[in-house]
């Protein structure tokens, strides 16, 4: 019966000291992964818009103009934020 009681008791949680210091921190690799995912999403939206323009030129043209206006500055902001000068 004591073996059952020991089985259900809480055990000590062992945490590596390096993991303890990095909890909640965002590394450069995390930033690069996020930038890559966002830029891939922008590329997907642009490719989808080009296909929409090829299939339905009238309504696809409006989407293409919006994408040509909005997506390049957005991509530039993301790239500039990630690759900004680290010296300052």
PDB file of N, CA and C in Angstrom:
ATOM      1  N   UNK A   1       0.816  -1.195   0.000  1.00  0.00           N
ATOM      2  CA  UNK A   1       0.000   0.000   0.000  1.00  0.00           C
ATOM      3  C   UNK A   1       0.867   1.269   0.000  1.00  0.00           C
ATOM      4  N   UNK A   2       2.013   1.227   0.654  1.00  0.00           N
ATOM      5  CA  UNK A   2       2.889   2.392   0.678  1.00  0.00           C
ATOM      6  C   UNK A   2       3.461   2.689  -0.704  1.00  0.00           C
ATOM      7  N   UNK A   3       3.651   1.658  -1.515  1.00  0.00           N
ATOM      8  CA  UNK A   3       4.163   1.872  -2.863  1.00  0.00           C
ATOM      9  C   UNK A   3       3.195   2.684  -3.698  1.00  0.00           C
ATOM     10  N   UNK A   4       1.897   2.442  -3.539  1.00  0.00           N
ATOM     11  CA  UNK A   4       0.899   3.229  -4.261  1.00  0.00           C
ATOM     12  C   UNK A   4       0.929   4.681  -3.812  1.00  0.00           C
ATOM     13  N   UNK A   5       1.054   4.908  -2.510  1.00  0.00           N
ATOM     14  CA  UNK A   5       1.091   6.268  -1.980  1.00  0.00           C
ATOM     15  C   UNK A   5       2.336   6.997  -2.481  1.00  0.00           C
ATOM     16  N   UNK A   6       3.458   6.330  -2.559  1.00  0.00           N
ATOM     17  CA  UNK A   6       4.681   6.946  -3.066  1.00  0.00           C
ATOM     18  C   UNK A   6       4.564   7.269  -4.552  1.00  0.00           C
ATOM     19  N   UNK A   7       3.852   6.440  -5.284  1.00  0.00           N
ATOM     20  CA  UNK A   7       3.702   6.633  -6.721  1.00  0.00           C
ATOM     21  C   UNK A   7       2.963   7.931  -7.043  1.00  0.00           C
ATOM     22  N   UNK A   8       1.972   8.271  -6.228  1.00  0.00           N
ATOM     23  CA  UNK A   8       1.156   9.449  -6.517  1.00  0.00           C
ATOM     24  C   UNK A   8       1.673  10.724  -5.872  1.00  0.00           C
ATOM     25  N   UNK A   9       2.781  10.680  -5.163  1.00  0.00           N
ATOM     26  CA  UNK A   9       3.319  11.889  -4.547  1.00  0.00           C
ATOM     27  C   UNK A   9       4.055  12.717  -5.609  1.00  0.00           C
ATOM     28  N   UNK A  10       4.066  14.014  -5.384  1.00  0.00           N
ATOM     29  CA  UNK A  10       4.733  14.918  -6.317  1.00  0.00           C
ATOM     30  C   UNK A  10       6.240  14.719  -6.251  1.00  0.00           C
ATOM     31  N   UNK A  11       6.858  14.722  -7.385  1.00  0.00           N
ATOM     32  CA  UNK A  11       8.308  14.573  -7.479  1.00  0.00           C
ATOM     33  C   UNK A  11       8.932  15.950  -7.616  1.00  0.00           C
ATOM     34  N   UNK A  12      10.225  16.034  -7.375  1.00  0.00           N
ATOM     35  CA  UNK A  12      10.941  17.299  -7.500  1.00  0.00           C
ATOM     36  C   UNK A  12      11.146  17.621  -8.979  1.00  0.00           C
ATOM     37  N   UNK A  13      10.884  18.853  -9.341  1.00  0.00           N
ATOM     38  CA  UNK A  13      11.052  19.293 -10.717  1.00  0.00           C
ATOM     39  C   UNK A  13      12.481  19.778 -10.910  1.00  0.00           C
ATOM     40  N   UNK A  14      13.186  19.176 -11.844  1.00  0.00           N
ATOM     41  CA  UNK A  14      14.573  19.538 -12.125  1.00  0.00           C
ATOM     42  C   UNK A  14      14.581  20.400 -13.378  1.00  0.00           C
ATOM     43  N   UNK A  15      15.112  21.615 -13.239  1.00  0.00           N
ATOM     44  CA  UNK A  15      15.179  22.554 -14.355  1.00  0.00           C
ATOM     45  C   UNK A  15      16.632  22.875 -14.628  1.00  0.00           C
ATOM     46  N   UNK A  16      17.000  22.807 -15.879  1.00  0.00           N
ATOM     47  CA  UNK A  16      18.350  23.160 -16.268  1.00  0.00           C
ATOM     48  C   UNK A  16      18.550  24.663 -16.079  1.00  0.00           C
ATOM     49  N   UNK A  17      19.683  25.075 -15.577  1.00  0.00           N
ATOM     50  CA  UNK A  17      19.930  26.490 -15.275  1.00  0.00           C
ATOM     51  C   UNK A  17      19.900  27.351 -16.532  1.00  0.00           C
ATOM     52  N   UNK A  18      20.333  26.822 -17.667  1.00  0.00           N
ATOM     53  CA  UNK A  18      20.328  27.622 -18.889  1.00  0.00           C
ATOM     54  C   UNK A  18      18.903  27.848 -19.382  1.00  0.00           C
ATOM     55  N   UNK A  19      18.041  26.876 -19.222  1.00  0.00           N
ATOM     56  CA  UNK A  19      16.652  27.045 -19.627  1.00  0.00           C
ATOM     57  C   UNK A  19      15.949  28.052 -18.730  1.00  0.00           C
ATOM     58  N   UNK A  20      16.325  28.090 -17.475  1.00  0.00           N
ATOM     59  CA  UNK A  20      15.680  28.988 -16.519  1.00  0.00           C
ATOM     60  C   UNK A  20      15.919  30.446 -16.895  1.00  0.00           C
ATOM     61  N   UNK A  21      17.101  30.759 -17.416  1.00  0.00           N
ATOM     62  CA  UNK A  21      17.424  32.139 -17.775  1.00  0.00           C
ATOM     63  C   UNK A  21      16.802  32.558 -19.099  1.00  0.00           C
ATOM     64  N   UNK A  22      16.461  31.622 -19.969  1.00  0.00           N
ATOM     65  CA  UNK A  22      15.954  31.948 -21.292  1.00  0.00           C
ATOM     66  C   UNK A  22      14.441  31.910 -21.403  1.00  0.00           C
ATOM     67  N   UNK A  23      13.736  31.693 -20.322  1.00  0.00           N
ATOM     68  CA  UNK A  23      12.280  31.604 -20.385  1.00  0.00           C
ATOM     69  C   UNK A  23      11.713  32.973 -20.739  1.00  0.00           C
ATOM     70  N   UNK A  24      10.937  33.023 -21.808  1.00  0.00           N
ATOM     71  CA  UNK A  24      10.300  34.264 -22.229  1.00  0.00           C
ATOM     72  C   UNK A  24      11.170  35.161 -23.081  1.00  0.00           C
ATOM     73  N   UNK A  25      12.400  34.793 -23.343  1.00  0.00           N
ATOM     74  CA  UNK A  25      13.260  35.645 -24.164  1.00  0.00           C
ATOM     75  C   UNK A  25      13.125  35.242 -25.634  1.00  0.00           C
ATOM     76  N   UNK A  26      13.289  36.219 -26.499  1.00  0.00           N
ATOM     77  CA  UNK A  26      13.197  35.984 -27.938  1.00  0.00           C
ATOM     78  C   UNK A  26      14.608  36.053 -28.503  1.00  0.00           C
ATOM     79  N   UNK A  27      15.035  34.986 -29.113  1.00  0.00           N
ATOM     80  CA  UNK A  27      16.381  34.928 -29.663  1.00  0.00           C
ATOM     81  C   UNK A  27      16.393  35.461 -31.094  1.00  0.00           C
ATOM     82  N   UNK A  28      17.595  35.630 -31.629  1.00  0.00           N
ATOM     83  CA  UNK A  28      17.735  36.080 -33.020  1.00  0.00           C
ATOM     84  C   UNK A  28      17.151  35.051 -33.986  1.00  0.00           C
ATOM     85  N   UNK A  29      17.286  33.773 -33.654  1.00  0.00           N
ATOM     86  CA  UNK A  29      16.726  32.727 -34.495  1.00  0.00           C
ATOM     87  C   UNK A  29      15.197  32.815 -34.528  1.00  0.00           C
ATOM     88  N   UNK A  30      14.588  33.139 -33.380  1.00  0.00           N
ATOM     89  CA  UNK A  30      13.136  33.314 -33.338  1.00  0.00           C
ATOM     90  C   UNK A  30      12.699  34.485 -34.204  1.00  0.00           C
ATOM     91  N   UNK A  31      13.453  35.577 -34.160  1.00  0.00           N
ATOM     92  CA  UNK A  31      13.136  36.742 -34.986  1.00  0.00           C
ATOM     93  C   UNK A  31      13.261  36.411 -36.473  1.00  0.00           C
ATOM     94  N   UNK A  32      14.321  35.683 -36.825  1.00  0.00           N
ATOM     95  CA  UNK A  32      14.516  35.310 -38.224  1.00  0.00           C
ATOM     96  C   UNK A  32      13.398  34.388 -38.699  1.00  0.00           C
ATOM     97  N   UNK A  33      12.982  33.460 -37.866  1.00  0.00           N
ATOM     98  CA  UNK A  33      11.893  32.556 -38.221  1.00  0.00           C
ATOM     99  C   UNK A  33      10.587  33.329 -38.417  1.00  0.00           C
ATOM    100  N   UNK A  34      10.308  34.286 -37.535  1.00  0.00           N
ATOM    101  CA  UNK A  34       9.093  35.091 -37.671  1.00  0.00           C
ATOM    102  C   UNK A  34       9.136  35.936 -38.937  1.00  0.00           C
ATOM    103  N   UNK A  35      10.288  36.538 -39.220  1.00  0.00           N
ATOM    104  CA  UNK A  35      10.420  37.349 -40.440  1.00  0.00           C
ATOM    105  C   UNK A  35      10.238  36.481 -41.675  1.00  0.00           C
ATOM    106  N   UNK A  36      10.797  35.277 -41.657  1.00  0.00           N
ATOM    107  CA  UNK A  36      10.661  34.374 -42.800  1.00  0.00           C
ATOM    108  C   UNK A  36       9.203  33.990 -43.018  1.00  0.00           C
ATOM    109  N   UNK A  37       8.493  33.700 -41.945  1.00  0.00           N
ATOM    110  CA  UNK A  37       7.091  33.312 -42.067  1.00  0.00           C
ATOM    111  C   UNK A  37       6.238  34.469 -42.581  1.00  0.00           C
ATOM    112  N   UNK A  38       6.490  35.671 -42.102  1.00  0.00           N
ATOM    113  CA  UNK A  38       5.717  36.828 -42.546  1.00  0.00           C
ATOM    114  C   UNK A  38       6.001  37.133 -44.016  1.00  0.00           C
ATOM    115  N   UNK A  39       7.275  37.084 -44.415  1.00  0.00           N
ATOM    116  CA  UNK A  39       7.621  37.357 -45.810  1.00  0.00           C
ATOM    117  C   UNK A  39       7.080  36.273 -46.743  1.00  0.00           C
ATOM    118  N   UNK A  40       7.061  35.031 -46.291  1.00  0.00           N
ATOM    119  CA  UNK A  40       6.455  33.962 -47.104  1.00  0.00           C
ATOM    120  C   UNK A  40       4.950  34.176 -47.240  1.00  0.00           C
ATOM    121  N   UNK A  41       4.317  34.653 -46.180  1.00  0.00           N
ATOM    122  CA  UNK A  41       2.887  34.970 -46.246  1.00  0.00           C
ATOM    123  C   UNK A  41       2.606  36.093 -47.225  1.00  0.00           C
ATOM    124  N   UNK A  42       3.454  37.122 -47.210  1.00  0.00           N
ATOM    125  CA  UNK A  42       3.303  38.227 -48.165  1.00  0.00           C
ATOM    126  C   UNK A  42       3.485  37.725 -49.593  1.00  0.00           C
ATOM    127  N   UNK A  43       4.481  36.861 -49.811  1.00  0.00           N
ATOM    128  CA  UNK A  43       4.704  36.308 -51.146  1.00  0.00           C
ATOM    129  C   UNK A  43       3.512  35.465 -51.596  1.00  0.00           C
ATOM    130  N   UNK A  44       2.944  34.690 -50.688  1.00  0.00           N
ATOM    131  CA  UNK A  44       1.767  33.877 -51.018  1.00  0.00           C
ATOM    132  C   UNK A  44       0.585  34.756 -51.413  1.00  0.00           C
ATOM    133  N   UNK A  45       0.360  35.832 -50.672  1.00  0.00           N
ATOM    134  CA  UNK A  45      -0.738  36.745 -50.996  1.00  0.00           C
ATOM    135  C   UNK A  45      -0.520  37.374 -52.376  1.00  0.00           C
ATOM    136  N   UNK A  46       0.722  37.769 -52.662  1.00  0.00           N
ATOM    137  CA  UNK A  46       1.013  38.384 -53.949  1.00  0.00           C
ATOM    138  C   UNK A  46       0.819  37.397 -55.095  1.00  0.00           C
ATOM    139  N   UNK A  47       1.280  36.160 -54.928  1.00  0.00           N
ATOM    140  CA  UNK A  47       1.102  35.134 -55.974  1.00  0.00           C
ATOM    141  C   UNK A  47      -0.380  34.835 -56.180  1.00  0.00           C
ATOM    142  N   UNK A  48      -1.138  34.747 -55.089  1.00  0.00           N
ATOM    143  CA  UNK A  48      -2.588  34.533 -55.187  1.00  0.00           C
ATOM    144  C   UNK A  48      -3.246  35.672 -55.955  1.00  0.00           C
ATOM    145  N   UNK A  49      -2.796  36.897 -55.706  1.00  0.00           N
ATOM    146  CA  UNK A  49      -3.352  38.057 -56.391  1.00  0.00           C
ATOM    147  C   UNK A  49      -3.030  38.032 -57.885  1.00  0.00           C
ATOM    148  N   UNK A  50      -1.828  37.612 -58.234  1.00  0.00           N
ATOM    149  CA  UNK A  50      -1.469  37.514 -59.652  1.00  0.00           C
ATOM    150  C   UNK A  50      -2.340  36.476 -60.348  1.00  0.00           C
ATOM    151  N   UNK A  51      -2.585  35.331 -59.704  1.00  0.00           N
ATOM    152  CA  UNK A  51      -3.482  34.324 -60.287  1.00  0.00           C
ATOM    153  C   UNK A  51      -4.905  34.862 -60.414  1.00  0.00           C
ATOM    154  N   UNK A  52      -5.362  35.622 -59.418  1.00  0.00           N
ATOM    155  CA  UNK A  52      -6.691  36.220 -59.503  1.00  0.00           C
ATOM    156  C   UNK A  52      -6.765  37.202 -60.664  1.00  0.00           C
ATOM    157  N   UNK A  53      -5.682  37.947 -60.898  1.00  0.00           N
ATOM    158  CA  UNK A  53      -5.647  38.891 -62.015  1.00  0.00           C
ATOM    159  C   UNK A  53      -5.679  38.148 -63.354  1.00  0.00           C
ATOM    160  N   UNK A  54      -4.977  37.004 -63.434  1.00  0.00           N
ATOM    161  CA  UNK A  54      -4.962  36.243 -64.682  1.00  0.00           C
ATOM    162  C   UNK A  54      -6.319  35.608 -64.974  1.00  0.00           C
ATOM    163  N   UNK A  55      -7.041  35.215 -63.940  1.00  0.00           N
ATOM    164  CA  UNK A  55      -8.340  34.571 -64.135  1.00  0.00           C
ATOM    165  C   UNK A  55      -9.444  35.602 -64.338  1.00  0.00           C
ATOM    166  N   UNK A  56      -9.499  36.620 -63.473  1.00  0.00           N
ATOM    167  CA  UNK A  56     -10.512  37.676 -63.551  1.00  0.00           C
ATOM    168  C   UNK A  56      -9.805  39.026 -63.626  1.00  0.00           C
ATOM    169  N   UNK A  57      -9.456  39.484 -64.814  1.00  0.00           N
ATOM    170  CA  UNK A  57      -8.660  40.714 -64.930  1.00  0.00           C
ATOM    171  C   UNK A  57      -9.318  41.958 -64.323  1.00  0.00           C
ATOM    172  N   UNK A  58     -10.634  42.043 -64.379  1.00  0.00           N
ATOM    173  CA  UNK A  58     -11.292  43.255 -63.875  1.00  0.00           C
ATOM    174  C   UNK A  58     -11.146  43.386 -62.358  1.00  0.00           C
ATOM    175  N   UNK A  59     -11.586  42.378 -61.614  1.00  0.00           N
ATOM    176  CA  UNK A  59     -11.513  42.462 -60.153  1.00  0.00           C
ATOM    177  C   UNK A  59     -10.112  42.134 -59.650  1.00  0.00           C
ATOM    178  N   UNK A  60      -9.390  41.301 -60.374  1.00  0.00           N
ATOM    179  CA  UNK A  60      -8.027  40.977 -59.973  1.00  0.00           C
ATOM    180  C   UNK A  60      -7.092  42.156 -60.106  1.00  0.00           C
ATOM    181  N   UNK A  61      -7.396  43.054 -61.045  1.00  0.00           N
ATOM    182  CA  UNK A  61      -6.590  44.255 -61.218  1.00  0.00           C
ATOM    183  C   UNK A  61      -6.644  45.171 -60.013  1.00  0.00           C
ATOM    184  N   UNK A  62      -7.813  45.248 -59.394  1.00  0.00           N
ATOM    185  CA  UNK A  62      -7.951  46.064 -58.182  1.00  0.00           C
ATOM    186  C   UNK A  62      -7.110  45.464 -57.061  1.00  0.00           C
ATOM    187  N   UNK A  63      -7.176  44.145 -56.897  1.00  0.00           N
ATOM    188  CA  UNK A  63      -6.369  43.478 -55.870  1.00  0.00           C
ATOM    189  C   UNK A  63      -4.876  43.644 -56.141  1.00  0.00           C
ATOM    190  N   UNK A  64      -4.507  43.565 -57.411  1.00  0.00           N
ATOM    191  CA  UNK A  64      -3.100  43.706 -57.767  1.00  0.00           C
ATOM    192  C   UNK A  64      -2.590  45.111 -57.450  1.00  0.00           C
ATOM    193  N   UNK A  65      -3.393  46.125 -57.710  1.00  0.00           N
ATOM    194  CA  UNK A  65      -2.997  47.498 -57.381  1.00  0.00           C
ATOM    195  C   UNK A  65      -2.843  47.687 -55.879  1.00  0.00           C
ATOM    196  N   UNK A  66      -3.744  47.092 -55.103  1.00  0.00           N
ATOM    197  CA  UNK A  66      -3.651  47.179 -53.640  1.00  0.00           C
ATOM    198  C   UNK A  66      -2.371  46.494 -53.169  1.00  0.00           C
ATOM    199  N   UNK A  67      -2.094  45.322 -53.724  1.00  0.00           N
ATOM    200  CA  UNK A  67      -0.884  44.593 -53.328  1.00  0.00           C
ATOM    201  C   UNK A  67       0.380  45.340 -53.719  1.00  0.00           C
ATOM    202  N   UNK A  68       0.383  45.959 -54.899  1.00  0.00           N
ATOM    203  CA  UNK A  68       1.560  46.713 -55.326  1.00  0.00           C
ATOM    204  C   UNK A  68       1.781  47.938 -54.453  1.00  0.00           C
ATOM    205  N   UNK A  69       0.723  48.441 -53.838  1.00  0.00           N
ATOM    206  CA  UNK A  69       0.835  49.614 -52.981  1.00  0.00           C
ATOM    207  C   UNK A  69       1.214  49.240 -51.553  1.00  0.00           C
ATOM    208  N   UNK A  70       0.655  48.163 -51.025  1.00  0.00           N
ATOM    209  CA  UNK A  70       0.778  47.838 -49.602  1.00  0.00           C
ATOM    210  C   UNK A  70       1.922  46.865 -49.305  1.00  0.00           C
ATOM    211  N   UNK A  71       2.088  45.831 -50.092  1.00  0.00           N
ATOM    212  CA  UNK A  71       3.016  44.754 -49.736  1.00  0.00           C
ATOM    213  C   UNK A  71       4.503  45.134 -49.785  1.00  0.00           C
ATOM    214  N   UNK A  72       4.992  45.860 -50.779  1.00  0.00           N
ATOM    215  CA  UNK A  72       6.435  46.202 -50.754  1.00  0.00           C
ATOM    216  C   UNK A  72       6.861  47.036 -49.537  1.00  0.00           C
ATOM    217  N   UNK A  73       6.105  48.076 -49.136  1.00  0.00           N
ATOM    218  CA  UNK A  73       6.518  48.785 -47.911  1.00  0.00           C
ATOM    219  C   UNK A  73       6.452  47.908 -46.658  1.00  0.00           C
ATOM    220  N   UNK A  74       5.483  47.024 -46.612  1.00  0.00           N
ATOM    221  CA  UNK A  74       5.377  46.121 -45.469  1.00  0.00           C
ATOM    222  C   UNK A  74       6.571  45.177 -45.408  1.00  0.00           C
ATOM    223  N   UNK A  75       6.944  44.627 -46.538  1.00  0.00           N
ATOM    224  CA  UNK A  75       8.124  43.747 -46.586  1.00  0.00           C
ATOM    225  C   UNK A  75       9.387  44.530 -46.235  1.00  0.00           C
ATOM    226  N   UNK A  76       9.485  45.769 -46.694  1.00  0.00           N
ATOM    227  CA  UNK A  76      10.648  46.602 -46.384  1.00  0.00           C
ATOM    228  C   UNK A  76      10.750  46.866 -44.893  1.00  0.00           C
ATOM    229  N   UNK A  77       9.625  47.144 -44.245  1.00  0.00           N
ATOM    230  CA  UNK A  77       9.633  47.369 -42.800  1.00  0.00           C
ATOM    231  C   UNK A  77      10.096  46.134 -42.048  1.00  0.00           C
ATOM    232  N   UNK A  78       9.642  44.982 -42.456  1.00  0.00           N
ATOM    233  CA  UNK A  78      10.022  43.743 -41.780  1.00  0.00           C
ATOM    234  C   UNK A  78      11.510  43.476 -41.966  1.00  0.00           C
ATOM    235  N   UNK A  79      12.002  43.625 -43.177  1.00  0.00           N
ATOM    236  CA  UNK A  79      13.418  43.384 -43.442  1.00  0.00           C
ATOM    237  C   UNK A  79      14.280  44.414 -42.714  1.00  0.00           C
ATOM    238  N   UNK A  80      13.875  45.678 -42.733  1.00  0.00           N
ATOM    239  CA  UNK A  80      14.646  46.723 -42.059  1.00  0.00           C
ATOM    240  C   UNK A  80      14.653  46.515 -40.548  1.00  0.00           C
ATOM    241  N   UNK A  81      13.554  46.044 -39.986  1.00  0.00           N
ATOM    242  CA  UNK A  81      13.514  45.807 -38.554  1.00  0.00           C
ATOM    243  C   UNK A  81      14.447  44.680 -38.158  1.00  0.00           C
ATOM    244  N   UNK A  82      14.481  43.622 -38.950  1.00  0.00           N
ATOM    245  CA  UNK A  82      15.320  42.489 -38.586  1.00  0.00           C
ATOM    246  C   UNK A  82      16.803  42.768 -38.840  1.00  0.00           C
ATOM    247  N   UNK A  83      17.122  43.407 -39.954  1.00  0.00           N
ATOM    248  CA  UNK A  83      18.519  43.633 -40.318  1.00  0.00           C
ATOM    249  C   UNK A  83      19.001  45.024 -39.968  1.00  0.00           C
ATOM    250  N   UNK A  84      18.426  45.644 -38.968  1.00  0.00           N
ATOM    251  CA  UNK A  84      18.875  46.993 -38.568  1.00  0.00           C
ATOM    252  C   UNK A  84      20.290  46.919 -38.006  1.00  0.00           C
ATOM    253  N   UNK A  85      20.927  48.071 -37.924  1.00  0.00           N
ATOM    254  CA  UNK A  85      22.302  48.150 -37.450  1.00  0.00           C
ATOM    255  C   UNK A  85      22.354  47.772 -35.971  1.00  0.00           C
ATOM    256  N   UNK A  86      23.139  46.773 -35.643  1.00  0.00           N
ATOM    257  CA  UNK A  86      23.238  46.293 -34.265  1.00  0.00           C
ATOM    258  C   UNK A  86      24.177  47.150 -33.429  1.00  0.00           C
ATOM    259  N   UNK A  87      24.965  48.034 -34.053  1.00  0.00           N
ATOM    260  CA  UNK A  87      25.951  48.835 -33.323  1.00  0.00           C
ATOM    261  C   UNK A  87      25.310  49.930 -32.497  1.00  0.00           C
ATOM    262  N   UNK A  88      24.160  50.437 -32.932  1.00  0.00           N
ATOM    263  CA  UNK A  88      23.562  51.560 -32.188  1.00  0.00           C
ATOM    264  C   UNK A  88      22.724  51.100 -31.030  1.00  0.00           C
TER     265      UNK A  88
END
